[in-house]
Amino acid sequence: MSHRKRGAPPSPPVPTPLRAAAFPPVGALVAEQRLIVARLIACGVPARDREDLLQIVLVAAWRAVQSGRYRPDPRADPRRALHAWLQGITWRQAGHHLGRAHVRREVPVDDPCALVDEASVDPDGRLLARAALRALAELPARRRDLLLLAAAGPRTVTVHARAHGLAPATAARRLQLARKALARRIARRLW
């Protein structure tokens, strides 16, 4: 081992014999199907999707080879380099597949209608209802009470007006103003 003097440029690395980069034929890619399927299983891809994803991986690998994106290290064993490269492609494709919404939310059952009861509620409707209830709670008490009385049952505005000693037109106008105030508050909460 020779020591170099301080400030001297480093000695060039010892060259290692390099193999020519061999691009695998399509048959070499197809021959590695078992490796690809094993990686798909390890990534958690459901059995029903493995055949399709195997084809996607093979097509993506072949396109990468044709476009010159397969550049293995010439010092590495060609088959090990191909295995590592295919596992990387498989891992990425499995991640893309498992990240799709229809795959994440898919529940295979015999009778999908049996899972839905007749009283199911739309989640967006629940959010809107919660926003409306919060906006109703923020209204002044006199408007909130008027809205609750109007929504409580089949009583007409005139019955409510007589019960409170008001003219029917006044009660109707107050109810209309309370509804507009509630609509403005709900709109503010949603936007």
N, C-alpha and C. Protein backbone atom coordinates (compact mmCIF):
# COMPACT_ATOMS: atom_id res chain seq x y z
N MET A 1 0.86 -1.17 0.00
CA MET A 1 0.00 0.00 0.00
C MET A 1 0.90 1.22 0.00
N SER A 2 0.69 2.08 -0.91
CA SER A 2 1.52 3.29 -0.99
C SER A 2 0.76 4.45 -0.38
N HIS A 3 1.49 5.30 0.27
CA HIS A 3 0.90 6.50 0.86
C HIS A 3 1.13 7.67 -0.07
N ARG A 4 0.14 8.48 -0.24
CA ARG A 4 0.31 9.64 -1.11
C ARG A 4 0.64 10.84 -0.26
N LYS A 5 1.31 11.77 -0.86
CA LYS A 5 1.68 12.99 -0.15
C LYS A 5 0.46 13.88 -0.01
N ARG A 6 0.49 14.68 1.04
CA ARG A 6 -0.60 15.61 1.29
C ARG A 6 -0.73 16.58 0.12
N GLY A 7 -1.97 16.74 -0.36
CA GLY A 7 -2.25 17.65 -1.46
C GLY A 7 -2.10 17.01 -2.83
N ALA A 8 -1.58 15.79 -2.87
CA ALA A 8 -1.43 15.11 -4.16
C ALA A 8 -2.79 14.58 -4.60
N PRO A 9 -3.05 14.54 -5.89
CA PRO A 9 -4.34 14.01 -6.36
C PRO A 9 -4.43 12.51 -6.04
N PRO A 10 -5.64 12.03 -5.80
CA PRO A 10 -5.79 10.61 -5.50
C PRO A 10 -5.43 9.76 -6.71
N SER A 11 -4.96 8.57 -6.43
CA SER A 11 -4.59 7.68 -7.53
C SER A 11 -5.86 7.15 -8.19
N PRO A 12 -5.81 6.89 -9.47
CA PRO A 12 -7.01 6.40 -10.16
C PRO A 12 -7.38 5.01 -9.63
N PRO A 13 -8.68 4.70 -9.61
CA PRO A 13 -9.09 3.39 -9.12
C PRO A 13 -8.59 2.28 -10.05
N VAL A 14 -8.40 1.13 -9.46
CA VAL A 14 -7.95 -0.01 -10.25
C VAL A 14 -9.12 -0.48 -11.11
N PRO A 15 -8.95 -0.55 -12.39
CA PRO A 15 -10.08 -0.95 -13.25
C PRO A 15 -10.45 -2.42 -13.03
N THR A 16 -11.74 -2.65 -13.01
CA THR A 16 -12.22 -4.03 -12.91
C THR A 16 -12.76 -4.41 -14.28
N PRO A 17 -12.62 -5.65 -14.65
CA PRO A 17 -13.13 -6.04 -15.97
C PRO A 17 -14.65 -5.90 -15.99
N LEU A 18 -15.16 -5.19 -16.96
CA LEU A 18 -16.59 -4.96 -17.07
C LEU A 18 -17.20 -5.87 -18.12
N ARG A 19 -18.38 -6.35 -17.81
CA ARG A 19 -19.13 -7.12 -18.80
C ARG A 19 -19.95 -6.14 -19.63
N ALA A 20 -20.19 -6.49 -20.82
CA ALA A 20 -21.05 -5.66 -21.66
C ALA A 20 -22.47 -5.76 -21.13
N ALA A 21 -23.17 -4.63 -21.10
CA ALA A 21 -24.56 -4.63 -20.62
C ALA A 21 -25.41 -5.43 -21.58
N ALA A 22 -25.97 -6.51 -21.07
CA ALA A 22 -26.81 -7.37 -21.90
C ALA A 22 -28.26 -7.04 -21.62
N PHE A 23 -28.99 -6.75 -22.66
CA PHE A 23 -30.39 -6.43 -22.49
C PHE A 23 -31.18 -7.73 -22.62
N PRO A 24 -32.02 -8.01 -21.64
CA PRO A 24 -32.69 -9.31 -21.65
C PRO A 24 -33.75 -9.37 -22.75
N PRO A 25 -33.86 -10.53 -23.38
CA PRO A 25 -34.94 -10.70 -24.35
C PRO A 25 -36.26 -10.83 -23.61
N VAL A 26 -37.34 -10.72 -24.32
CA VAL A 26 -38.65 -10.79 -23.70
C VAL A 26 -38.86 -12.15 -23.02
N GLY A 27 -38.25 -13.19 -23.54
CA GLY A 27 -38.36 -14.52 -22.94
C GLY A 27 -37.76 -14.56 -21.54
N ALA A 28 -36.69 -13.80 -21.31
CA ALA A 28 -36.08 -13.77 -19.98
C ALA A 28 -37.01 -13.09 -18.98
N LEU A 29 -37.76 -12.10 -19.44
CA LEU A 29 -38.71 -11.44 -18.54
C LEU A 29 -39.87 -12.37 -18.21
N VAL A 30 -40.37 -13.07 -19.23
CA VAL A 30 -41.50 -13.97 -19.03
C VAL A 30 -41.09 -15.14 -18.13
N ALA A 31 -39.82 -15.55 -18.21
CA ALA A 31 -39.35 -16.66 -17.40
C ALA A 31 -39.34 -16.33 -15.91
N GLU A 32 -39.41 -15.08 -15.57
CA GLU A 32 -39.38 -14.67 -14.16
C GLU A 32 -40.78 -14.43 -13.59
N GLN A 33 -41.78 -15.05 -14.16
CA GLN A 33 -43.16 -14.87 -13.69
C GLN A 33 -43.34 -15.29 -12.25
N ARG A 34 -42.72 -16.39 -11.85
CA ARG A 34 -42.87 -16.87 -10.47
C ARG A 34 -42.33 -15.85 -9.47
N LEU A 35 -41.20 -15.23 -9.83
CA LEU A 35 -40.62 -14.20 -8.96
C LEU A 35 -41.58 -13.01 -8.84
N ILE A 36 -42.17 -12.61 -9.95
CA ILE A 36 -43.08 -11.46 -9.95
C ILE A 36 -44.33 -11.78 -9.12
N VAL A 37 -44.89 -12.97 -9.31
CA VAL A 37 -46.09 -13.36 -8.55
C VAL A 37 -45.77 -13.43 -7.05
N ALA A 38 -44.60 -13.95 -6.70
CA ALA A 38 -44.21 -14.01 -5.29
C ALA A 38 -44.12 -12.61 -4.69
N ARG A 39 -43.59 -11.67 -5.46
CA ARG A 39 -43.49 -10.29 -4.96
C ARG A 39 -44.88 -9.67 -4.85
N LEU A 40 -45.78 -9.96 -5.78
CA LEU A 40 -47.15 -9.46 -5.70
C LEU A 40 -47.86 -9.99 -4.45
N ILE A 41 -47.64 -11.25 -4.14
CA ILE A 41 -48.23 -11.84 -2.93
C ILE A 41 -47.66 -11.14 -1.70
N ALA A 42 -46.35 -10.92 -1.70
CA ALA A 42 -45.71 -10.25 -0.56
C ALA A 42 -46.21 -8.82 -0.39
N CYS A 43 -46.59 -8.19 -1.49
CA CYS A 43 -47.10 -6.81 -1.42
C CYS A 43 -48.57 -6.75 -1.01
N GLY A 44 -49.24 -7.91 -0.94
CA GLY A 44 -50.63 -7.93 -0.50
C GLY A 44 -51.66 -7.77 -1.60
N VAL A 45 -51.28 -8.06 -2.83
CA VAL A 45 -52.22 -7.97 -3.95
C VAL A 45 -53.18 -9.15 -3.86
N PRO A 46 -54.50 -8.91 -3.91
CA PRO A 46 -55.46 -10.01 -3.85
C PRO A 46 -55.29 -10.98 -5.02
N ALA A 47 -55.64 -12.23 -4.80
CA ALA A 47 -55.47 -13.27 -5.83
C ALA A 47 -56.22 -12.93 -7.11
N ARG A 48 -57.38 -12.27 -6.99
CA ARG A 48 -58.18 -11.96 -8.17
C ARG A 48 -57.49 -10.95 -9.09
N ASP A 49 -56.53 -10.19 -8.57
CA ASP A 49 -55.87 -9.15 -9.36
C ASP A 49 -54.46 -9.53 -9.82
N ARG A 50 -53.94 -10.66 -9.38
CA ARG A 50 -52.53 -11.00 -9.65
C ARG A 50 -52.26 -11.23 -11.13
N GLU A 51 -53.15 -11.91 -11.83
CA GLU A 51 -52.93 -12.17 -13.26
C GLU A 51 -52.82 -10.86 -14.04
N ASP A 52 -53.74 -9.95 -13.77
CA ASP A 52 -53.73 -8.66 -14.47
C ASP A 52 -52.47 -7.87 -14.15
N LEU A 53 -52.11 -7.87 -12.89
CA LEU A 53 -50.94 -7.10 -12.47
C LEU A 53 -49.65 -7.73 -13.00
N LEU A 54 -49.61 -9.05 -13.12
CA LEU A 54 -48.46 -9.72 -13.72
C LEU A 54 -48.25 -9.22 -15.15
N GLN A 55 -49.33 -9.13 -15.90
CA GLN A 55 -49.22 -8.64 -17.27
C GLN A 55 -48.77 -7.18 -17.31
N ILE A 56 -49.29 -6.38 -16.39
CA ILE A 56 -48.90 -4.97 -16.34
C ILE A 56 -47.41 -4.83 -16.05
N VAL A 57 -46.89 -5.64 -15.12
CA VAL A 57 -45.47 -5.60 -14.77
C VAL A 57 -44.62 -6.02 -15.96
N LEU A 58 -45.01 -7.10 -16.63
CA LEU A 58 -44.22 -7.56 -17.79
C LEU A 58 -44.21 -6.52 -18.91
N VAL A 59 -45.34 -5.91 -19.18
CA VAL A 59 -45.40 -4.88 -20.23
C VAL A 59 -44.56 -3.66 -19.83
N ALA A 60 -44.65 -3.26 -18.56
CA ALA A 60 -43.86 -2.10 -18.11
C ALA A 60 -42.37 -2.40 -18.19
N ALA A 61 -41.97 -3.62 -17.82
CA ALA A 61 -40.56 -3.99 -17.90
C ALA A 61 -40.07 -4.02 -19.35
N TRP A 62 -40.87 -4.59 -20.23
CA TRP A 62 -40.46 -4.66 -21.63
C TRP A 62 -40.36 -3.27 -22.25
N ARG A 63 -41.29 -2.40 -21.92
CA ARG A 63 -41.21 -1.01 -22.43
C ARG A 63 -39.98 -0.30 -21.90
N ALA A 64 -39.63 -0.57 -20.65
CA ALA A 64 -38.43 0.05 -20.07
C ALA A 64 -37.17 -0.47 -20.77
N VAL A 65 -37.14 -1.75 -21.08
CA VAL A 65 -36.00 -2.32 -21.79
C VAL A 65 -35.88 -1.69 -23.17
N GLN A 66 -36.99 -1.58 -23.88
CA GLN A 66 -36.97 -1.02 -25.23
C GLN A 66 -36.58 0.45 -25.23
N SER A 67 -36.95 1.18 -24.19
CA SER A 67 -36.61 2.61 -24.17
C SER A 67 -35.23 2.87 -23.59
N GLY A 68 -34.53 1.82 -23.18
CA GLY A 68 -33.17 1.99 -22.68
C GLY A 68 -33.09 2.33 -21.20
N ARG A 69 -34.16 2.11 -20.45
CA ARG A 69 -34.13 2.42 -19.02
C ARG A 69 -33.62 1.27 -18.17
N TYR A 70 -33.34 0.15 -18.76
CA TYR A 70 -32.74 -0.98 -18.04
C TYR A 70 -31.24 -0.88 -18.21
N ARG A 71 -30.55 -0.46 -17.17
CA ARG A 71 -29.11 -0.29 -17.21
C ARG A 71 -28.50 -0.96 -15.97
N PRO A 72 -28.29 -2.25 -16.02
CA PRO A 72 -27.75 -2.94 -14.85
C PRO A 72 -26.27 -2.61 -14.66
N ASP A 73 -25.81 -2.81 -13.45
CA ASP A 73 -24.39 -2.63 -13.15
C ASP A 73 -23.62 -3.73 -13.87
N PRO A 74 -22.66 -3.38 -14.69
CA PRO A 74 -21.94 -4.41 -15.45
C PRO A 74 -21.17 -5.38 -14.56
N ARG A 75 -20.83 -4.97 -13.32
CA ARG A 75 -20.09 -5.86 -12.42
C ARG A 75 -21.00 -6.88 -11.75
N ALA A 76 -22.31 -6.64 -11.75
CA ALA A 76 -23.25 -7.53 -11.07
C ALA A 76 -23.60 -8.73 -11.94
N ASP A 77 -24.03 -9.78 -11.27
CA ASP A 77 -24.53 -10.97 -11.97
C ASP A 77 -25.77 -10.56 -12.76
N PRO A 78 -25.83 -10.87 -14.05
CA PRO A 78 -26.97 -10.40 -14.86
C PRO A 78 -28.33 -10.87 -14.36
N ARG A 79 -28.41 -12.10 -13.88
CA ARG A 79 -29.71 -12.60 -13.43
C ARG A 79 -30.13 -11.92 -12.13
N ARG A 80 -29.19 -11.72 -11.21
CA ARG A 80 -29.52 -11.01 -9.96
C ARG A 80 -29.93 -9.57 -10.24
N ALA A 81 -29.24 -8.94 -11.18
CA ALA A 81 -29.59 -7.56 -11.54
C ALA A 81 -31.00 -7.51 -12.12
N LEU A 82 -31.33 -8.49 -12.96
CA LEU A 82 -32.67 -8.55 -13.54
C LEU A 82 -33.72 -8.79 -12.45
N HIS A 83 -33.41 -9.69 -11.51
CA HIS A 83 -34.35 -9.97 -10.41
C HIS A 83 -34.62 -8.71 -9.59
N ALA A 84 -33.56 -8.02 -9.22
CA ALA A 84 -33.73 -6.81 -8.41
C ALA A 84 -34.53 -5.76 -9.16
N TRP A 85 -34.26 -5.62 -10.43
CA TRP A 85 -34.96 -4.62 -11.24
C TRP A 85 -36.43 -4.97 -11.38
N LEU A 86 -36.74 -6.25 -11.66
CA LEU A 86 -38.13 -6.68 -11.77
C LEU A 86 -38.88 -6.54 -10.44
N GLN A 87 -38.19 -6.81 -9.34
CA GLN A 87 -38.85 -6.66 -8.04
C GLN A 87 -39.20 -5.20 -7.77
N GLY A 88 -38.34 -4.30 -8.20
CA GLY A 88 -38.64 -2.87 -8.05
C GLY A 88 -39.85 -2.46 -8.87
N ILE A 89 -39.92 -2.91 -10.10
CA ILE A 89 -41.07 -2.60 -10.95
C ILE A 89 -42.34 -3.21 -10.36
N THR A 90 -42.24 -4.44 -9.90
CA THR A 90 -43.41 -5.12 -9.32
C THR A 90 -43.89 -4.38 -8.08
N TRP A 91 -42.97 -3.99 -7.24
CA TRP A 91 -43.33 -3.27 -6.01
C TRP A 91 -44.04 -1.96 -6.33
N ARG A 92 -43.53 -1.21 -7.31
CA ARG A 92 -44.16 0.06 -7.67
C ARG A 92 -45.55 -0.16 -8.27
N GLN A 93 -45.66 -1.12 -9.18
CA GLN A 93 -46.96 -1.38 -9.80
C GLN A 93 -47.98 -1.87 -8.78
N ALA A 94 -47.55 -2.70 -7.84
CA ALA A 94 -48.46 -3.17 -6.78
C ALA A 94 -48.90 -2.00 -5.91
N GLY A 95 -47.99 -1.11 -5.61
CA GLY A 95 -48.35 0.07 -4.81
C GLY A 95 -49.36 0.95 -5.53
N HIS A 96 -49.15 1.15 -6.83
CA HIS A 96 -50.12 1.95 -7.60
C HIS A 96 -51.48 1.26 -7.62
N HIS A 97 -51.45 -0.04 -7.81
CA HIS A 97 -52.72 -0.79 -7.89
C HIS A 97 -53.47 -0.75 -6.56
N LEU A 98 -52.75 -1.01 -5.47
CA LEU A 98 -53.40 -1.04 -4.15
C LEU A 98 -53.85 0.34 -3.70
N GLY A 99 -53.28 1.38 -4.27
CA GLY A 99 -53.67 2.74 -3.91
C GLY A 99 -54.90 3.25 -4.63
N ARG A 100 -55.37 2.51 -5.61
CA ARG A 100 -56.56 2.94 -6.35
C ARG A 100 -57.79 2.81 -5.48
N ALA A 101 -58.69 3.76 -5.63
CA ALA A 101 -59.88 3.81 -4.76
C ALA A 101 -60.74 2.57 -4.93
N HIS A 102 -60.94 2.11 -6.14
CA HIS A 102 -61.84 0.96 -6.32
C HIS A 102 -61.26 -0.31 -5.71
N VAL A 103 -59.95 -0.39 -5.57
CA VAL A 103 -59.34 -1.57 -4.95
C VAL A 103 -59.44 -1.47 -3.43
N ARG A 104 -59.21 -0.28 -2.90
CA ARG A 104 -59.25 -0.10 -1.44
C ARG A 104 -60.65 -0.28 -0.88
N ARG A 105 -61.67 0.07 -1.64
CA ARG A 105 -63.03 0.04 -1.12
C ARG A 105 -63.83 -1.17 -1.58
N GLU A 106 -63.22 -2.03 -2.33
CA GLU A 106 -63.93 -3.16 -2.89
C GLU A 106 -64.11 -4.25 -1.83
N VAL A 107 -65.36 -4.73 -1.69
CA VAL A 107 -65.67 -5.80 -0.76
C VAL A 107 -66.41 -6.88 -1.55
N PRO A 108 -65.73 -7.99 -1.86
CA PRO A 108 -66.41 -9.03 -2.63
C PRO A 108 -67.40 -9.80 -1.76
N VAL A 109 -68.66 -9.77 -2.12
CA VAL A 109 -69.71 -10.50 -1.41
C VAL A 109 -70.64 -11.12 -2.45
N ASP A 110 -71.41 -12.12 -1.98
CA ASP A 110 -72.35 -12.77 -2.89
C ASP A 110 -73.52 -11.87 -3.24
N ASP A 111 -74.08 -11.20 -2.23
CA ASP A 111 -75.25 -10.35 -2.44
C ASP A 111 -74.98 -8.96 -1.88
N PRO A 112 -74.52 -8.02 -2.70
CA PRO A 112 -74.18 -6.69 -2.19
C PRO A 112 -75.38 -5.95 -1.61
N CYS A 113 -76.58 -6.24 -2.09
CA CYS A 113 -77.76 -5.54 -1.58
C CYS A 113 -78.06 -5.93 -0.13
N ALA A 114 -77.57 -7.07 0.31
CA ALA A 114 -77.81 -7.51 1.68
C ALA A 114 -77.04 -6.66 2.68
N LEU A 115 -75.98 -6.00 2.23
CA LEU A 115 -75.17 -5.18 3.14
C LEU A 115 -75.79 -3.81 3.40
N VAL A 116 -76.71 -3.38 2.52
CA VAL A 116 -77.28 -2.05 2.64
C VAL A 116 -78.68 -2.17 3.22
N ASP A 117 -78.87 -1.52 4.36
CA ASP A 117 -80.22 -1.52 4.93
C ASP A 117 -81.01 -0.35 4.35
N GLU A 118 -82.28 -0.39 4.52
CA GLU A 118 -83.13 0.65 3.91
C GLU A 118 -82.98 2.00 4.59
N ALA A 119 -82.48 2.00 5.81
CA ALA A 119 -82.36 3.25 6.55
C ALA A 119 -80.96 3.84 6.46
N SER A 120 -80.18 3.41 5.48
CA SER A 120 -78.82 3.94 5.39
C SER A 120 -78.87 5.42 4.99
N VAL A 121 -77.90 6.16 5.50
CA VAL A 121 -77.86 7.60 5.29
C VAL A 121 -76.60 7.96 4.52
N ASP A 122 -76.74 8.88 3.61
CA ASP A 122 -75.62 9.37 2.83
C ASP A 122 -74.66 10.13 3.75
N PRO A 123 -73.34 9.85 3.73
CA PRO A 123 -72.41 10.56 4.62
C PRO A 123 -72.38 12.06 4.36
N ASP A 124 -72.53 12.47 3.11
CA ASP A 124 -72.56 13.91 2.82
C ASP A 124 -73.79 14.56 3.45
N GLY A 125 -74.91 13.85 3.43
CA GLY A 125 -76.12 14.36 4.07
C GLY A 125 -75.94 14.51 5.57
N ARG A 126 -75.21 13.57 6.17
CA ARG A 126 -74.94 13.67 7.62
C ARG A 126 -74.11 14.92 7.92
N LEU A 127 -73.11 15.18 7.10
CA LEU A 127 -72.28 16.36 7.32
C LEU A 127 -73.09 17.64 7.16
N LEU A 128 -73.95 17.67 6.15
CA LEU A 128 -74.79 18.85 5.96
C LEU A 128 -75.75 19.02 7.14
N ALA A 129 -76.30 17.92 7.64
CA ALA A 129 -77.22 18.00 8.78
C ALA A 129 -76.51 18.51 10.02
N ARG A 130 -75.28 18.05 10.25
CA ARG A 130 -74.53 18.53 11.41
C ARG A 130 -74.24 20.02 11.30
N ALA A 131 -73.88 20.46 10.09
CA ALA A 131 -73.61 21.89 9.88
C ALA A 131 -74.88 22.70 10.11
N ALA A 132 -76.02 22.17 9.66
CA ALA A 132 -77.29 22.88 9.85
C ALA A 132 -77.66 22.96 11.33
N LEU A 133 -77.44 21.89 12.08
CA LEU A 133 -77.75 21.92 13.51
C LEU A 133 -76.84 22.90 14.27
N ARG A 134 -75.58 22.94 13.89
CA ARG A 134 -74.67 23.90 14.54
C ARG A 134 -75.09 25.34 14.21
N ALA A 135 -75.47 25.57 12.95
CA ALA A 135 -75.90 26.91 12.56
C ALA A 135 -77.20 27.27 13.28
N LEU A 136 -78.09 26.31 13.46
CA LEU A 136 -79.34 26.56 14.18
C LEU A 136 -79.06 26.92 15.64
N ALA A 137 -78.08 26.26 16.24
CA ALA A 137 -77.74 26.55 17.63
C ALA A 137 -77.15 27.95 17.79
N GLU A 138 -76.55 28.48 16.74
CA GLU A 138 -75.95 29.81 16.82
C GLU A 138 -76.95 30.95 16.61
N LEU A 139 -78.14 30.63 16.13
CA LEU A 139 -79.15 31.67 15.90
C LEU A 139 -79.63 32.26 17.23
N PRO A 140 -80.11 33.50 17.20
CA PRO A 140 -80.73 34.05 18.40
C PRO A 140 -81.92 33.20 18.84
N ALA A 141 -82.20 33.19 20.13
CA ALA A 141 -83.21 32.30 20.70
C ALA A 141 -84.59 32.49 20.07
N ARG A 142 -85.01 33.75 19.81
CA ARG A 142 -86.36 33.96 19.29
C ARG A 142 -86.51 33.38 17.89
N ARG A 143 -85.46 33.48 17.04
CA ARG A 143 -85.54 32.91 15.69
C ARG A 143 -85.44 31.39 15.75
N ARG A 144 -84.56 30.88 16.60
CA ARG A 144 -84.41 29.43 16.75
C ARG A 144 -85.72 28.79 17.20
N ASP A 145 -86.37 29.41 18.21
CA ASP A 145 -87.64 28.87 18.71
C ASP A 145 -88.72 28.89 17.63
N LEU A 146 -88.75 29.95 16.84
CA LEU A 146 -89.74 30.06 15.78
C LEU A 146 -89.52 28.96 14.73
N LEU A 147 -88.27 28.72 14.37
CA LEU A 147 -87.97 27.66 13.40
C LEU A 147 -88.31 26.29 13.96
N LEU A 148 -88.01 26.06 15.21
CA LEU A 148 -88.31 24.76 15.81
C LEU A 148 -89.81 24.53 15.90
N LEU A 149 -90.57 25.57 16.23
CA LEU A 149 -92.03 25.43 16.26
C LEU A 149 -92.59 25.16 14.87
N ALA A 150 -92.03 25.82 13.86
CA ALA A 150 -92.52 25.63 12.49
C ALA A 150 -92.20 24.22 11.99
N ALA A 151 -91.07 23.67 12.44
CA ALA A 151 -90.69 22.34 11.98
C ALA A 151 -91.27 21.23 12.84
N ALA A 152 -91.86 21.57 13.99
CA ALA A 152 -92.31 20.56 14.95
C ALA A 152 -93.50 19.76 14.47
N GLY A 153 -94.33 20.33 13.68
CA GLY A 153 -95.51 19.56 13.31
C GLY A 153 -96.33 20.25 12.24
N PRO A 154 -97.56 19.79 12.09
CA PRO A 154 -98.40 20.29 11.01
C PRO A 154 -99.11 21.60 11.33
N ARG A 155 -98.70 22.28 12.38
CA ARG A 155 -99.36 23.55 12.71
C ARG A 155 -99.08 24.59 11.64
N THR A 156 -100.05 25.37 11.31
CA THR A 156 -99.87 26.41 10.29
C THR A 156 -99.34 27.67 10.95
N VAL A 157 -98.92 28.60 10.14
CA VAL A 157 -98.39 29.88 10.63
C VAL A 157 -99.49 30.65 11.36
N THR A 158 -100.72 30.56 10.88
CA THR A 158 -101.81 31.31 11.53
C THR A 158 -102.08 30.79 12.93
N VAL A 159 -102.01 29.48 13.14
CA VAL A 159 -102.21 28.92 14.49
C VAL A 159 -101.10 29.42 15.41
N HIS A 160 -99.86 29.44 14.91
CA HIS A 160 -98.74 29.94 15.69
C HIS A 160 -98.92 31.43 16.00
N ALA A 161 -99.37 32.19 15.01
CA ALA A 161 -99.56 33.63 15.20
C ALA A 161 -100.63 33.89 16.26
N ARG A 162 -101.73 33.19 16.22
CA ARG A 162 -102.79 33.37 17.21
C ARG A 162 -102.31 33.00 18.60
N ALA A 163 -101.52 31.93 18.70
CA ALA A 163 -101.02 31.49 20.00
C ALA A 163 -100.10 32.54 20.62
N HIS A 164 -99.41 33.34 19.81
CA HIS A 164 -98.48 34.35 20.31
C HIS A 164 -99.01 35.77 20.20
N GLY A 165 -100.27 35.89 19.80
CA GLY A 165 -100.88 37.22 19.71
C GLY A 165 -100.32 38.07 18.59
N LEU A 166 -99.95 37.46 17.47
CA LEU A 166 -99.40 38.19 16.33
C LEU A 166 -100.34 38.10 15.15
N ALA A 167 -100.17 39.04 14.24
CA ALA A 167 -100.89 38.95 12.96
C ALA A 167 -100.25 37.84 12.14
N PRO A 168 -101.03 37.11 11.36
CA PRO A 168 -100.46 36.02 10.56
C PRO A 168 -99.35 36.50 9.60
N ALA A 169 -99.51 37.70 9.03
CA ALA A 169 -98.48 38.22 8.13
C ALA A 169 -97.17 38.47 8.88
N THR A 170 -97.26 38.96 10.12
CA THR A 170 -96.06 39.22 10.92
C THR A 170 -95.36 37.90 11.26
N ALA A 171 -96.12 36.89 11.65
CA ALA A 171 -95.53 35.60 11.98
C ALA A 171 -94.87 34.98 10.74
N ALA A 172 -95.53 35.12 9.58
CA ALA A 172 -94.97 34.58 8.35
C ALA A 172 -93.68 35.29 7.98
N ARG A 173 -93.68 36.62 8.15
CA ARG A 173 -92.47 37.41 7.83
C ARG A 173 -91.33 37.04 8.77
N ARG A 174 -91.60 36.87 10.06
CA ARG A 174 -90.55 36.49 11.01
C ARG A 174 -90.01 35.09 10.71
N LEU A 175 -90.89 34.19 10.31
CA LEU A 175 -90.45 32.85 9.95
C LEU A 175 -89.56 32.89 8.70
N GLN A 176 -89.97 33.73 7.74
CA GLN A 176 -89.17 33.87 6.53
C GLN A 176 -87.78 34.44 6.85
N LEU A 177 -87.70 35.45 7.72
CA LEU A 177 -86.41 36.03 8.11
C LEU A 177 -85.56 35.02 8.86
N ALA A 178 -86.17 34.20 9.71
CA ALA A 178 -85.43 33.18 10.45
C ALA A 178 -84.86 32.13 9.51
N ARG A 179 -85.63 31.75 8.50
CA ARG A 179 -85.14 30.76 7.53
C ARG A 179 -83.98 31.31 6.72
N LYS A 180 -84.07 32.59 6.33
CA LYS A 180 -82.97 33.21 5.58
C LYS A 180 -81.71 33.31 6.43
N ALA A 181 -81.88 33.67 7.70
CA ALA A 181 -80.72 33.76 8.60
C ALA A 181 -80.06 32.40 8.77
N LEU A 182 -80.88 31.36 8.90
CA LEU A 182 -80.34 30.02 9.02
C LEU A 182 -79.61 29.60 7.74
N ALA A 183 -80.19 29.91 6.59
CA ALA A 183 -79.56 29.55 5.31
C ALA A 183 -78.22 30.26 5.15
N ARG A 184 -78.13 31.54 5.57
CA ARG A 184 -76.86 32.26 5.48
C ARG A 184 -75.80 31.62 6.37
N ARG A 185 -76.19 31.25 7.59
CA ARG A 185 -75.23 30.62 8.52
C ARG A 185 -74.76 29.26 8.01
N ILE A 186 -75.67 28.51 7.44
CA ILE A 186 -75.28 27.20 6.89
C ILE A 186 -74.31 27.40 5.73
N ALA A 187 -74.62 28.34 4.87
CA ALA A 187 -73.74 28.60 3.72
C ALA A 187 -72.35 29.04 4.19
N ARG A 188 -72.27 29.85 5.24
CA ARG A 188 -70.99 30.27 5.78
C ARG A 188 -70.20 29.08 6.34
N ARG A 189 -70.92 28.16 6.97
CA ARG A 189 -70.25 26.99 7.57
C ARG A 189 -69.70 26.07 6.48
N LEU A 190 -70.40 25.94 5.37
CA LEU A 190 -69.99 25.02 4.33
C LEU A 190 -68.90 25.59 3.45
N TRP A 191 -68.79 26.86 3.35
CA TRP A 191 -67.77 27.45 2.50
C TRP A 191 -66.74 28.05 3.34
